[in-house]
Each structure stands twice: as C-alpha cells, then as structure tokens.
C-alpha cells in the first residue's frame, strides 16, 4: 500500500508543499484576519500553529483545506492553486466529524465510498485507485478491531479520534491538517494520541499542520512552530524545533526550555 508513496517521497523530499503569497482574508463584516501574509512549508515537515484565542489559527487551516479562500494573494499546494478541497488533503477536526448513525467501520469506509461515488476524478476524489483493503489496514493499525461494529456514542473520545484518523488515512493523504484534535481528551489519552500522530507522520511520509492552543503540544509535535499574534496577521514568526518528533524529547531539557520560551512569548501576546 505504501511502497510507491515512500519512493515518491524520497524523490520529492525538499519540494515545497504549501506556499502562501501575500494573502489577505477577512470574514464578512469582520476585522481583517490576515494581511499580505506569506508562509512556506516543505514536504514532510511537521508544523504546529500556536497563538492566542481568536488569532486566526483555525481560519488558516480552513484556507489550507480549501474551505475558505483569500480575498487577495494566492495559496498553492504542490504548485497548484487551491480552488476547492483537495483530495489528498486530510482534515481532522476537534469534534471528530463522525456520522452518529454509522458504525466505526462504516465511518472509516466513508471516504472510500465517496471516492467510489465520484470516481477517481482528481477533483472530488484522488485520481489513484485506493484499495478497500485500506479500511482493514487502518482498523488494525489503530486498534479499532474490537469496536468496529459499535456506534460513536458508545465508544470513548480517544476511540472516536482514532476512528477519525483511520477514515482520513484510508484515503492516503500527503497533507494532514489537524484542528486542536486532542483538546477534549484526558491527559493519558492525549499523550497516547500525540505519540501515535508522530509515528504515523513518520510511517506515511505526511506533512503535518496541527493547530493547537496548548504550548506543550506545540513544542512536542512541531518541528517548526508558527506563532500567530493578534489580527491582522502580517508577519511570519517561526521557531525552529528540529528534535520535536524524536523519541524521549518530551522529557528533555531542550523541550522544557522551549516550553518556557513559548509561554513567555504567549504572555507577551496577551498583554498587547
């Protein structure tokens, strides 16, 4: 399932995945959120987007997902302008986005069913044929076997998030967007899913953009951290964190020092 994708990743490892050029955005009757904002993400990088409430973190994610569009400027993914949601972009929301009337297996199958409905047209669904065996693979990989016939309301929050991840990865995305996916979970479950996210990004050669309000989570998951201030956002403030996804980083002095640095930066933002 993953052999051809891994070879492709090796060839294109340094290719620009995301390019934002002078974008401006505001909601109707709202204040300007981004103004002449520029940002680039290389393929295979793991980014965390961090900033105070209301600064535009989720808006940025929706722009990347093709659910919102800039008033000016352009957004390119793999050198193609975003005009609609992109089949190879996976979006995982805080509230999981599961169908309550469908079982875990049926929810995981949903993306492939949508692809079969449209056909592999490259617009609504990936151009490549995706094997139904992907469903079994991800149900097994994310330890959902024992609950695959249960409904979302009967399983835990961590299991619901695993189901959402399985549904997304069954479509073999190359870009994974996550909007505060672990914020409502208890600490042990959150730490387990953070570790799983790191493992999956390495295994599947994913480019990761995770929006979070949790400083510790940003320091743990983002090899690069994009700091957003209060709108309108004009500057690109990036903190390098290359050891983020390494095993044991959570317990290192480097991690603790970065958490302190980020907290000081966030306190400064709140004071403005």
Protein backbone atom coordinates (compact mmCIF):
# COMPACT_ATOMS: atom_id res chain seq x y z
CA UNK A 1 0.00 0.00 0.00
CA UNK A 2 2.76 2.45 0.91
CA UNK A 3 5.73 1.37 -1.20
CA UNK A 4 5.14 3.66 -4.19
CA UNK A 5 4.36 6.63 -1.97
CA UNK A 6 7.56 6.16 0.01
CA UNK A 7 9.67 6.13 -3.16
CA UNK A 8 7.90 9.26 -4.38
CA UNK A 9 8.60 10.99 -1.08
CA UNK A 10 12.32 10.29 -1.30
CA UNK A 11 12.43 11.93 -4.72
CA UNK A 12 10.42 15.00 -3.67
CA UNK A 13 11.52 15.37 -0.05
CA UNK A 14 12.60 19.00 -0.49
CA UNK A 15 9.65 20.06 -2.60
CA UNK A 16 7.53 22.96 -1.40
CA UNK A 17 4.19 21.56 -0.23
CA UNK A 18 2.47 24.83 0.80
CA UNK A 19 3.09 28.33 -0.49
CA UNK A 20 1.11 31.35 0.74
CA UNK A 21 1.90 34.54 -1.14
CA UNK A 22 0.63 37.90 0.13
CA UNK A 23 -2.73 36.53 1.24
CA UNK A 24 -5.34 38.72 2.91
CA UNK A 25 -8.54 37.39 4.45
CA UNK A 26 -11.46 38.65 6.49
CA UNK A 27 -14.92 37.35 7.32
CA UNK A 28 -17.96 39.37 6.16
CA UNK A 29 -18.48 42.36 8.48
CA UNK A 30 -15.43 41.20 10.43
CA UNK A 31 -11.95 42.50 11.03
CA UNK A 32 -9.04 41.64 8.77
CA UNK A 33 -7.50 38.34 9.94
CA UNK A 34 -4.51 38.09 7.56
CA UNK A 35 -2.93 40.93 5.60
CA UNK A 36 -0.21 40.34 2.97
CA UNK A 37 0.78 37.18 4.83
CA UNK A 38 3.49 34.86 3.45
CA UNK A 39 4.39 31.33 4.54
CA UNK A 40 6.04 28.22 3.09
CA UNK A 41 6.01 24.59 4.21
CA UNK A 42 8.32 21.95 2.75
CA UNK A 43 7.05 18.48 2.04
CA UNK A 44 7.44 16.13 5.00
CA UNK A 45 7.67 18.84 7.65
CA UNK A 46 5.71 18.80 10.91
CA UNK A 47 4.35 22.23 11.90
CA UNK A 48 2.41 23.42 14.93
CA UNK A 49 0.40 26.63 14.70
CA UNK A 50 0.21 28.39 18.05
CA UNK A 51 -1.31 31.66 19.20
CA UNK A 52 -3.92 33.28 21.46
CA UNK A 53 -7.64 32.64 21.05
CA UNK A 54 -9.18 34.40 18.06
CA UNK A 55 -5.87 34.99 16.28
CA UNK A 56 -6.78 33.06 13.11
CA UNK A 57 -5.31 29.58 13.73
CA UNK A 58 -8.39 27.66 12.57
CA UNK A 59 -9.01 30.15 9.76
CA UNK A 60 -5.53 29.38 8.43
CA UNK A 61 -6.33 25.67 8.50
CA UNK A 62 -9.60 26.22 6.60
CA UNK A 63 -7.73 28.25 3.97
CA UNK A 64 -5.28 25.37 3.50
CA UNK A 65 -8.15 22.89 3.30
CA UNK A 66 -9.91 24.87 0.55
CA UNK A 67 -12.92 25.59 2.75
CA UNK A 68 -12.19 29.33 2.79
CA UNK A 69 -10.47 31.49 0.18
CA UNK A 70 -8.30 34.61 0.50
CA UNK A 71 -9.56 38.00 -0.62
CA UNK A 72 -6.22 38.57 -2.34
CA UNK A 73 -2.95 36.75 -2.82
CA UNK A 74 -2.67 33.06 -3.61
CA UNK A 75 -2.36 29.70 -1.88
CA UNK A 76 -0.52 26.92 -3.71
CA UNK A 77 -0.38 23.27 -2.67
CA UNK A 78 2.16 21.25 -4.64
CA UNK A 79 2.38 24.20 -7.06
CA UNK A 80 -1.37 24.15 -7.75
CA UNK A 81 -3.70 26.96 -6.72
CA UNK A 82 -6.36 25.95 -4.22
CA UNK A 83 -9.83 26.38 -5.71
CA UNK A 84 -11.65 23.60 -3.83
CA UNK A 85 -10.96 20.98 -1.15
CA UNK A 86 -8.07 18.84 -2.35
CA UNK A 87 -8.47 15.01 -2.42
CA UNK A 88 -5.01 14.37 -0.97
CA UNK A 89 -5.50 16.76 1.96
CA UNK A 90 -6.79 15.14 5.13
CA UNK A 91 -8.63 17.31 7.69
CA UNK A 92 -9.27 16.09 11.23
CA UNK A 93 -11.50 18.27 13.40
CA UNK A 94 -11.78 18.69 17.14
CA UNK A 95 -15.29 17.20 17.21
CA UNK A 96 -14.20 14.15 15.15
CA UNK A 97 -16.81 14.65 12.40
CA UNK A 98 -18.17 11.11 12.69
CA UNK A 99 -21.63 10.07 11.50
CA UNK A 100 -23.55 9.08 14.67
CA UNK A 101 -25.78 6.61 12.79
CA UNK A 102 -22.79 4.75 11.28
CA UNK A 103 -20.57 2.19 12.98
CA UNK A 104 -16.84 2.67 13.43
CA UNK A 105 -16.16 0.56 10.32
CA UNK A 106 -18.76 2.43 8.28
CA UNK A 107 -17.22 5.75 9.32
CA UNK A 108 -13.76 4.56 8.28
CA UNK A 109 -15.21 3.38 4.94
CA UNK A 110 -16.92 6.72 4.28
CA UNK A 111 -14.09 8.38 2.33
CA UNK A 112 -13.66 5.41 0.03
CA UNK A 113 -17.43 5.31 -0.58
CA UNK A 114 -17.34 9.00 -1.56
CA UNK A 115 -14.44 8.28 -3.92
CA UNK A 116 -16.38 5.41 -5.50
CA UNK A 117 -19.42 7.67 -5.95
CA UNK A 118 -17.48 10.34 -7.86
CA UNK A 119 -14.93 8.04 -9.38
CA UNK A 120 -11.20 8.87 -9.27
CA UNK A 121 -11.69 12.29 -10.93
CA UNK A 122 -8.90 14.20 -9.17
CA UNK A 123 -11.38 16.88 -8.07
CA UNK A 124 -13.68 15.26 -5.55
CA UNK A 125 -11.60 12.11 -5.07
CA UNK A 126 -7.98 11.05 -5.68
CA UNK A 127 -7.03 10.09 -9.21
CA UNK A 128 -5.39 6.90 -8.00
CA UNK A 129 -7.35 3.78 -7.21
CA UNK A 130 -7.47 3.21 -3.46
CA UNK A 131 -7.90 -0.33 -2.24
CA UNK A 132 -10.81 -1.15 0.08
CA UNK A 133 -8.20 -3.14 1.98
CA UNK A 134 -7.04 0.20 3.37
CA UNK A 135 -10.03 0.11 5.71
CA UNK A 136 -8.93 -3.19 7.26
CA UNK A 137 -5.32 -1.98 7.42
CA UNK A 138 -6.18 1.18 9.38
CA UNK A 139 -8.73 -0.50 11.63
CA UNK A 140 -5.97 -2.94 12.59
CA UNK A 141 -3.23 -0.30 12.79
CA UNK A 142 -5.27 1.93 15.10
CA UNK A 143 -6.54 -0.95 17.27
CA UNK A 144 -10.20 -0.49 16.37
CA UNK A 145 -10.93 -4.17 15.68
CA UNK A 146 -12.86 -4.83 18.88
CA UNK A 147 -15.16 -1.81 18.44
CA UNK A 148 -15.57 -1.69 14.66
CA UNK A 149 -19.27 -2.58 14.87
CA UNK A 150 -20.09 -0.08 17.60
CA UNK A 151 -21.51 3.41 17.14
CA UNK A 152 -19.64 6.62 18.05
CA UNK A 153 -21.80 7.39 21.09
CA UNK A 154 -20.84 4.02 22.60
CA UNK A 155 -17.06 4.50 22.46
CA UNK A 156 -14.58 6.78 24.21
CA UNK A 157 -13.29 10.10 22.95
CA UNK A 158 -9.90 8.59 22.19
CA UNK A 159 -11.52 5.80 20.17
CA UNK A 160 -13.60 8.33 18.26
CA UNK A 161 -10.46 10.30 17.42
CA UNK A 162 -8.71 7.11 16.28
CA UNK A 163 -11.71 6.40 14.04
CA UNK A 164 -11.46 9.88 12.52
CA UNK A 165 -7.74 9.38 11.91
CA UNK A 166 -8.34 5.97 10.33
CA UNK A 167 -11.01 7.39 7.99
CA UNK A 168 -8.62 10.12 6.88
CA UNK A 169 -5.55 7.93 6.38
CA UNK A 170 -7.51 5.30 4.45
CA UNK A 171 -7.52 7.83 1.57
CA UNK A 172 -3.70 8.03 1.60
CA UNK A 173 -3.29 11.79 2.07
CA UNK A 174 0.07 13.53 1.75
CA UNK A 175 -1.01 16.53 3.87
CA UNK A 176 -2.65 16.13 7.28
CA UNK A 177 -4.41 19.13 8.85
CA UNK A 178 -5.48 18.78 12.48
CA UNK A 179 -7.57 21.36 14.36
CA UNK A 180 -6.98 21.00 18.11
CA UNK A 181 -7.70 17.27 17.80
CA UNK A 182 -6.80 16.25 21.37
CA UNK A 183 -8.03 19.21 23.42
CA UNK A 184 -11.09 17.47 24.88
CA UNK A 185 -9.29 14.26 25.88
CA UNK A 186 -7.87 13.26 29.25
CA UNK A 187 -4.10 13.55 29.70
CA UNK A 188 -3.13 9.85 29.22
CA UNK A 189 -5.27 9.53 26.08
CA UNK A 190 -3.96 12.83 24.73
CA UNK A 191 -0.34 11.75 25.23
CA UNK A 192 -1.03 8.39 23.59
CA UNK A 193 -2.56 10.02 20.51
CA UNK A 194 0.22 12.59 20.30
CA UNK A 195 2.72 9.73 20.17
CA UNK A 196 0.59 7.95 17.58
CA UNK A 197 0.44 11.08 15.42
CA UNK A 198 4.23 11.30 15.39
CA UNK A 199 4.53 7.62 14.46
CA UNK A 200 2.01 7.92 11.63
CA UNK A 201 3.64 11.01 10.15
CA UNK A 202 6.98 9.19 10.01
CA UNK A 203 5.48 5.96 8.67
CA UNK A 204 3.35 7.60 5.99
CA UNK A 205 5.66 10.48 4.97
CA UNK A 206 2.97 13.00 5.88
CA UNK A 207 3.26 16.75 6.01
CA UNK A 208 1.57 17.75 9.27
CA UNK A 209 -0.03 21.07 10.21
CA UNK A 210 -1.58 20.93 13.68
CA UNK A 211 -3.42 23.88 15.22
CA UNK A 212 -3.28 23.92 18.99
CA UNK A 213 -3.71 26.30 21.91
CA UNK A 214 -1.57 24.03 24.12
CA UNK A 215 2.03 25.20 24.40
CA UNK A 216 3.30 21.78 25.47
CA UNK A 217 1.63 20.11 22.49
CA UNK A 218 3.08 22.62 20.02
CA UNK A 219 6.57 22.02 21.41
CA UNK A 220 6.11 18.26 21.18
CA UNK A 221 4.63 17.93 17.68
CA UNK A 222 6.00 20.87 15.71
CA UNK A 223 9.47 20.60 14.21
CA UNK A 224 8.65 24.16 13.27
CA UNK A 225 6.22 26.34 15.19
CA UNK A 226 4.30 29.15 13.54
CA UNK A 227 3.46 31.81 16.11
CA UNK A 228 0.43 33.98 15.37
CA UNK A 229 -0.19 37.28 17.14
CA UNK A 230 -3.44 39.23 17.32
CA UNK A 231 -5.02 40.05 13.91
CA UNK A 232 -4.36 41.32 11.42
CA UNK A 233 -1.53 38.82 10.97
CA UNK A 234 1.18 40.27 8.75
CA UNK A 235 4.45 38.71 9.90
CA UNK A 236 5.67 35.13 9.75
CA UNK A 237 7.18 34.27 13.14
CA UNK A 238 8.79 30.81 13.08
CA UNK A 239 10.51 28.93 15.91
CA UNK A 240 12.76 26.05 14.88
CA UNK A 241 12.31 22.85 16.91
CA UNK A 242 14.04 20.10 14.87
CA UNK A 243 14.10 17.43 17.60
CA UNK A 244 10.35 17.58 18.26
CA UNK A 245 9.42 14.16 16.92
CA UNK A 246 12.40 12.31 18.41
CA UNK A 247 11.71 9.62 20.99
CA UNK A 248 12.06 10.90 24.55
CA UNK A 249 12.03 14.57 23.54
CA UNK A 250 9.12 15.21 25.93
CA UNK A 251 11.45 14.60 28.89
CA UNK A 252 14.46 16.57 27.67
CA UNK A 253 15.82 19.87 29.00
CA UNK A 254 15.58 21.24 25.45
CA UNK A 255 11.83 20.60 25.41
CA UNK A 256 11.31 22.23 28.82
CA UNK A 257 13.32 25.28 27.77
CA UNK A 258 11.27 25.67 24.60
CA UNK A 259 8.01 25.42 26.56
CA UNK A 260 9.21 28.27 28.79
CA UNK A 261 10.19 30.33 25.73
CA UNK A 262 6.81 29.78 24.09
CA UNK A 263 4.94 30.61 27.29
CA UNK A 264 6.84 33.88 27.63
CA UNK A 265 6.02 34.72 24.01
CA UNK A 266 2.34 33.93 24.51
CA UNK A 267 2.22 36.06 27.67
CA UNK A 268 3.64 38.94 25.66
CA UNK A 269 0.96 38.49 23.01
CA UNK A 270 -1.83 38.56 25.58
CA UNK A 271 -0.54 41.81 27.05
CA UNK A 272 -0.76 43.72 23.75
